[in-house]
Every structure is written in C-alpha cells, then in structure tokens.
Amino acid sequence: MTTSHPAMAPVRAEIDRLDRELVALLVQRAACIDRAIAIKTVEGLPARITPRVEEVVANARAVAADSGLDVAFVEALWRQIIEWSIAREERVLGERNPQ
C-alpha cells in the first residue's frame, strides 16, 4: 500500500523520472547489442567473449567505486545485464564457437 505523504511527492517524481531514463538507456544498450550481433554474425564470433565480459564488469566496478556506490551491488547488476545481453545474442547466433 502506497501512503500519501506530501513531502515524498517530489522525491517519488524524481525517482520515476530517473527510472524512465534508466529504461531508455537500456533500450540504447540493447540497440548496441543488436549491432554487435550483426558484426559477430559476419565475423563468426561467439555471443560470450569472457575477457570482454570481465572488462565490462571491471569498468562498471571502477565507476561505482569512484562514485561512492556499492561496488558489489553494481557488479551484480552489471552481470545480470550482461547475461541478458548474451542471451539476446545467443538467440540469434546460437552456440557457435563457445569460448
């Protein structure tokens, strides 16, 4: 049950706005994944490229650390995003050339 508290209204509105922005960024990221699928199809590359996965996670962890955000939380979130992205690629690419 959502309680109505006047002081919370602007905070909730800002959270809702940020959530819309986060979803929009995920849509943009998915479009990049689709472009990667096209390249990987031509080049015969697998969906999962483990060194790149670890590079992306390390980058996210570094940004989180620099920003004072919980690094473990960011890593877990990024790993979930990456796994979703790889699954998206695998639906098109299949399991060719697993690394």
N, C-alpha and C. Protein backbone atom coordinates (compact mmCIF):
# COMPACT_ATOMS: atom_id res chain seq x y z
N MET A 1 0.84 -1.17 0.00
CA MET A 1 0.00 0.00 0.00
C MET A 1 0.90 1.24 0.00
N THR A 2 0.65 2.14 -0.93
CA THR A 2 1.40 3.39 -1.00
C THR A 2 0.73 4.42 -0.12
N THR A 3 1.52 4.97 0.78
CA THR A 3 0.96 6.01 1.63
C THR A 3 1.21 7.36 0.97
N SER A 4 0.30 8.25 1.19
CA SER A 4 0.41 9.58 0.60
C SER A 4 1.02 10.53 1.61
N HIS A 5 2.21 10.99 1.32
CA HIS A 5 2.89 11.94 2.18
C HIS A 5 3.38 13.07 1.29
N PRO A 6 2.89 14.28 1.51
CA PRO A 6 3.20 15.40 0.61
C PRO A 6 4.69 15.63 0.39
N ALA A 7 5.50 15.46 1.41
CA ALA A 7 6.94 15.72 1.26
C ALA A 7 7.61 14.69 0.34
N MET A 8 7.00 13.52 0.21
CA MET A 8 7.57 12.46 -0.62
C MET A 8 7.27 12.65 -2.10
N ALA A 9 6.26 13.42 -2.44
CA ALA A 9 5.82 13.55 -3.84
C ALA A 9 6.95 13.98 -4.78
N PRO A 10 7.74 15.01 -4.46
CA PRO A 10 8.80 15.39 -5.40
C PRO A 10 9.91 14.34 -5.49
N VAL A 11 10.19 13.67 -4.39
CA VAL A 11 11.22 12.63 -4.40
C VAL A 11 10.74 11.47 -5.29
N ARG A 12 9.50 11.08 -5.12
CA ARG A 12 8.95 9.99 -5.94
C ARG A 12 8.91 10.37 -7.41
N ALA A 13 8.57 11.60 -7.69
CA ALA A 13 8.54 12.07 -9.09
C ALA A 13 9.94 12.00 -9.70
N GLU A 14 10.96 12.37 -8.93
CA GLU A 14 12.34 12.32 -9.42
C GLU A 14 12.78 10.87 -9.64
N ILE A 15 12.41 9.98 -8.73
CA ILE A 15 12.73 8.56 -8.89
C ILE A 15 12.06 8.02 -10.15
N ASP A 16 10.80 8.36 -10.36
CA ASP A 16 10.09 7.90 -11.56
C ASP A 16 10.75 8.43 -12.83
N ARG A 17 11.20 9.68 -12.81
CA ARG A 17 11.89 10.26 -13.97
C ARG A 17 13.20 9.53 -14.24
N LEU A 18 13.95 9.29 -13.18
CA LEU A 18 15.21 8.57 -13.32
C LEU A 18 14.99 7.13 -13.82
N ASP A 19 13.94 6.49 -13.34
CA ASP A 19 13.63 5.14 -13.81
C ASP A 19 13.34 5.15 -15.31
N ARG A 20 12.61 6.15 -15.79
CA ARG A 20 12.34 6.26 -17.23
C ARG A 20 13.65 6.44 -18.00
N GLU A 21 14.56 7.24 -17.46
CA GLU A 21 15.86 7.45 -18.11
C GLU A 21 16.68 6.16 -18.13
N LEU A 22 16.67 5.42 -17.03
CA LEU A 22 17.40 4.16 -16.97
C LEU A 22 16.87 3.18 -18.02
N VAL A 23 15.55 3.09 -18.14
CA VAL A 23 14.97 2.20 -19.15
C VAL A 23 15.36 2.66 -20.55
N ALA A 24 15.32 3.96 -20.79
CA ALA A 24 15.72 4.49 -22.10
C ALA A 24 17.18 4.15 -22.41
N LEU A 25 18.04 4.21 -21.40
CA LEU A 25 19.45 3.84 -21.59
C LEU A 25 19.59 2.34 -21.88
N LEU A 26 18.77 1.53 -21.22
CA LEU A 26 18.81 0.09 -21.50
C LEU A 26 18.35 -0.20 -22.93
N VAL A 27 17.39 0.56 -23.42
CA VAL A 27 16.95 0.42 -24.81
C VAL A 27 18.11 0.75 -25.75
N GLN A 28 18.85 1.81 -25.45
CA GLN A 28 20.01 2.17 -26.26
C GLN A 28 21.09 1.08 -26.20
N ARG A 29 21.29 0.53 -25.00
CA ARG A 29 22.29 -0.54 -24.85
C ARG A 29 21.88 -1.76 -25.67
N ALA A 30 20.58 -2.09 -25.66
CA ALA A 30 20.08 -3.22 -26.44
C ALA A 30 20.31 -2.99 -27.93
N ALA A 31 20.17 -1.77 -28.39
CA ALA A 31 20.44 -1.45 -29.80
C ALA A 31 21.92 -1.68 -30.12
N CYS A 32 22.80 -1.36 -29.19
CA CYS A 32 24.23 -1.63 -29.39
C CYS A 32 24.47 -3.14 -29.45
N ILE A 33 23.78 -3.89 -28.62
CA ILE A 33 23.91 -5.35 -28.64
C ILE A 33 23.47 -5.87 -30.00
N ASP A 34 22.39 -5.31 -30.54
CA ASP A 34 21.92 -5.74 -31.86
C ASP A 34 22.97 -5.45 -32.94
N ARG A 35 23.66 -4.33 -32.82
CA ARG A 35 24.74 -4.03 -33.77
C ARG A 35 25.89 -5.02 -33.59
N ALA A 36 26.19 -5.37 -32.34
CA ALA A 36 27.24 -6.36 -32.08
C ALA A 36 26.85 -7.71 -32.67
N ILE A 37 25.57 -8.07 -32.60
CA ILE A 37 25.11 -9.33 -33.18
C ILE A 37 25.40 -9.35 -34.68
N ALA A 38 25.12 -8.24 -35.35
CA ALA A 38 25.36 -8.17 -36.79
C ALA A 38 26.84 -8.38 -37.10
N ILE A 39 27.71 -7.76 -36.33
CA ILE A 39 29.15 -7.91 -36.54
C ILE A 39 29.60 -9.34 -36.22
N LYS A 40 29.13 -9.87 -35.11
CA LYS A 40 29.51 -11.22 -34.70
C LYS A 40 29.04 -12.26 -35.71
N THR A 41 27.89 -12.03 -36.32
CA THR A 41 27.38 -12.94 -37.35
C THR A 41 28.34 -12.99 -38.53
N VAL A 42 28.76 -11.83 -38.99
CA VAL A 42 29.67 -11.74 -40.13
C VAL A 42 31.04 -12.32 -39.78
N GLU A 43 31.53 -12.01 -38.60
CA GLU A 43 32.88 -12.41 -38.19
C GLU A 43 32.96 -13.81 -37.60
N GLY A 44 31.80 -14.43 -37.36
CA GLY A 44 31.79 -15.76 -36.77
C GLY A 44 32.19 -15.78 -35.31
N LEU A 45 31.93 -14.70 -34.61
CA LEU A 45 32.29 -14.60 -33.20
C LEU A 45 31.19 -15.17 -32.32
N PRO A 46 31.54 -15.68 -31.14
CA PRO A 46 30.54 -16.21 -30.21
C PRO A 46 29.84 -15.08 -29.46
N ALA A 47 28.70 -15.42 -28.89
CA ALA A 47 27.98 -14.44 -28.07
C ALA A 47 28.80 -14.06 -26.84
N ARG A 48 29.33 -15.05 -26.16
CA ARG A 48 30.09 -14.80 -24.93
C ARG A 48 31.58 -14.71 -25.25
N ILE A 49 32.15 -13.58 -24.95
CA ILE A 49 33.60 -13.38 -25.05
C ILE A 49 34.05 -13.01 -23.64
N THR A 50 34.47 -14.02 -22.91
CA THR A 50 34.73 -13.88 -21.47
C THR A 50 35.65 -12.71 -21.12
N PRO A 51 36.76 -12.49 -21.81
CA PRO A 51 37.60 -11.34 -21.45
C PRO A 51 36.84 -10.01 -21.55
N ARG A 52 35.96 -9.88 -22.54
CA ARG A 52 35.17 -8.65 -22.68
C ARG A 52 34.16 -8.53 -21.54
N VAL A 53 33.54 -9.64 -21.16
CA VAL A 53 32.61 -9.63 -20.03
C VAL A 53 33.31 -9.09 -18.80
N GLU A 54 34.49 -9.62 -18.52
CA GLU A 54 35.22 -9.20 -17.32
C GLU A 54 35.69 -7.74 -17.43
N GLU A 55 36.01 -7.29 -18.63
CA GLU A 55 36.39 -5.89 -18.83
C GLU A 55 35.21 -4.96 -18.54
N VAL A 56 34.03 -5.32 -19.02
CA VAL A 56 32.84 -4.50 -18.78
C VAL A 56 32.53 -4.44 -17.29
N VAL A 57 32.62 -5.58 -16.61
CA VAL A 57 32.36 -5.62 -15.16
C VAL A 57 33.39 -4.77 -14.42
N ALA A 58 34.65 -4.90 -14.79
CA ALA A 58 35.71 -4.11 -14.12
C ALA A 58 35.48 -2.62 -14.34
N ASN A 59 35.07 -2.24 -15.54
CA ASN A 59 34.78 -0.82 -15.81
C ASN A 59 33.65 -0.32 -14.93
N ALA A 60 32.59 -1.10 -14.83
CA ALA A 60 31.44 -0.70 -14.00
C ALA A 60 31.83 -0.61 -12.53
N ARG A 61 32.62 -1.56 -12.07
CA ARG A 61 33.09 -1.53 -10.68
C ARG A 61 33.92 -0.28 -10.41
N ALA A 62 34.79 0.07 -11.34
CA ALA A 62 35.64 1.26 -11.16
C ALA A 62 34.81 2.53 -11.10
N VAL A 63 33.83 2.65 -11.97
CA VAL A 63 32.96 3.83 -11.95
C VAL A 63 32.19 3.88 -10.64
N ALA A 64 31.68 2.73 -10.20
CA ALA A 64 30.95 2.68 -8.93
C ALA A 64 31.85 3.11 -7.78
N ALA A 65 33.06 2.58 -7.74
CA ALA A 65 33.99 2.93 -6.66
C ALA A 65 34.30 4.42 -6.67
N ASP A 66 34.54 4.96 -7.86
CA ASP A 66 34.83 6.40 -7.97
C ASP A 66 33.65 7.26 -7.56
N SER A 67 32.44 6.70 -7.70
CA SER A 67 31.22 7.46 -7.40
C SER A 67 30.70 7.22 -6.00
N GLY A 68 31.35 6.33 -5.26
CA GLY A 68 30.91 6.04 -3.90
C GLY A 68 29.70 5.13 -3.83
N LEU A 69 29.45 4.39 -4.92
CA LEU A 69 28.31 3.47 -4.94
C LEU A 69 28.80 2.08 -4.56
N ASP A 70 27.94 1.28 -4.00
CA ASP A 70 28.26 -0.07 -3.57
C ASP A 70 28.76 -0.89 -4.76
N VAL A 71 30.03 -1.23 -4.74
CA VAL A 71 30.68 -1.92 -5.86
C VAL A 71 30.09 -3.31 -6.06
N ALA A 72 29.80 -4.03 -5.01
CA ALA A 72 29.23 -5.38 -5.13
C ALA A 72 27.85 -5.32 -5.77
N PHE A 73 27.05 -4.33 -5.40
CA PHE A 73 25.73 -4.16 -6.00
C PHE A 73 25.85 -3.89 -7.49
N VAL A 74 26.76 -2.98 -7.86
CA VAL A 74 26.93 -2.63 -9.27
C VAL A 74 27.42 -3.85 -10.06
N GLU A 75 28.36 -4.59 -9.50
CA GLU A 75 28.84 -5.78 -10.20
C GLU A 75 27.70 -6.78 -10.44
N ALA A 76 26.90 -7.03 -9.42
CA ALA A 76 25.78 -7.97 -9.56
C ALA A 76 24.79 -7.49 -10.61
N LEU A 77 24.48 -6.21 -10.60
CA LEU A 77 23.55 -5.64 -11.57
C LEU A 77 24.12 -5.75 -12.98
N TRP A 78 25.40 -5.41 -13.14
CA TRP A 78 26.02 -5.46 -14.47
C TRP A 78 26.11 -6.89 -14.98
N ARG A 79 26.41 -7.83 -14.10
CA ARG A 79 26.47 -9.22 -14.55
C ARG A 79 25.10 -9.69 -15.04
N GLN A 80 24.06 -9.23 -14.39
CA GLN A 80 22.70 -9.59 -14.84
C GLN A 80 22.41 -8.95 -16.20
N ILE A 81 22.77 -7.69 -16.38
CA ILE A 81 22.58 -7.02 -17.66
C ILE A 81 23.38 -7.74 -18.76
N ILE A 82 24.61 -8.10 -18.45
CA ILE A 82 25.46 -8.78 -19.42
C ILE A 82 24.86 -10.14 -19.79
N GLU A 83 24.40 -10.89 -18.80
CA GLU A 83 23.81 -12.20 -19.09
C GLU A 83 22.57 -12.05 -19.97
N TRP A 84 21.76 -11.04 -19.72
CA TRP A 84 20.59 -10.78 -20.56
C TRP A 84 21.05 -10.47 -21.98
N SER A 85 22.11 -9.68 -22.11
CA SER A 85 22.63 -9.31 -23.42
C SER A 85 23.17 -10.52 -24.17
N ILE A 86 23.90 -11.38 -23.47
CA ILE A 86 24.44 -12.59 -24.09
C ILE A 86 23.30 -13.51 -24.53
N ALA A 87 22.29 -13.65 -23.71
CA ALA A 87 21.13 -14.47 -24.08
C ALA A 87 20.46 -13.91 -25.34
N ARG A 88 20.39 -12.59 -25.43
CA ARG A 88 19.82 -11.93 -26.62
C ARG A 88 20.66 -12.29 -27.84
N GLU A 89 21.98 -12.24 -27.70
CA GLU A 89 22.87 -12.59 -28.81
C GLU A 89 22.74 -14.07 -29.17
N GLU A 90 22.69 -14.94 -28.16
CA GLU A 90 22.63 -16.38 -28.41
C GLU A 90 21.37 -16.79 -29.16
N ARG A 91 20.27 -16.07 -28.94
CA ARG A 91 19.05 -16.38 -29.67
C ARG A 91 19.27 -16.24 -31.18
N VAL A 92 20.15 -15.31 -31.57
CA VAL A 92 20.43 -15.10 -32.99
C VAL A 92 21.62 -15.94 -33.44
N LEU A 93 22.67 -15.92 -32.65
CA LEU A 93 23.92 -16.55 -33.05
C LEU A 93 23.96 -18.05 -32.78
N GLY A 94 23.22 -18.49 -31.79
CA GLY A 94 23.32 -19.87 -31.37
C GLY A 94 24.58 -20.07 -30.56
N GLU A 95 24.95 -21.26 -30.37
CA GLU A 95 26.11 -21.59 -29.53
C GLU A 95 27.37 -21.80 -30.36
N ARG A 96 27.46 -21.18 -31.52
CA ARG A 96 28.66 -21.33 -32.35
C ARG A 96 29.88 -20.86 -31.60
N ASN A 97 30.95 -21.53 -31.79
CA ASN A 97 32.27 -21.11 -31.28
C ASN A 97 32.28 -20.70 -29.82
N PRO A 98 31.71 -21.48 -28.89
CA PRO A 98 31.74 -21.04 -27.48
C PRO A 98 33.17 -20.92 -26.98
N GLN A 99 33.39 -19.90 -26.13
CA GLN A 99 34.72 -19.69 -25.55
C GLN A 99 34.72 -20.10 -24.10
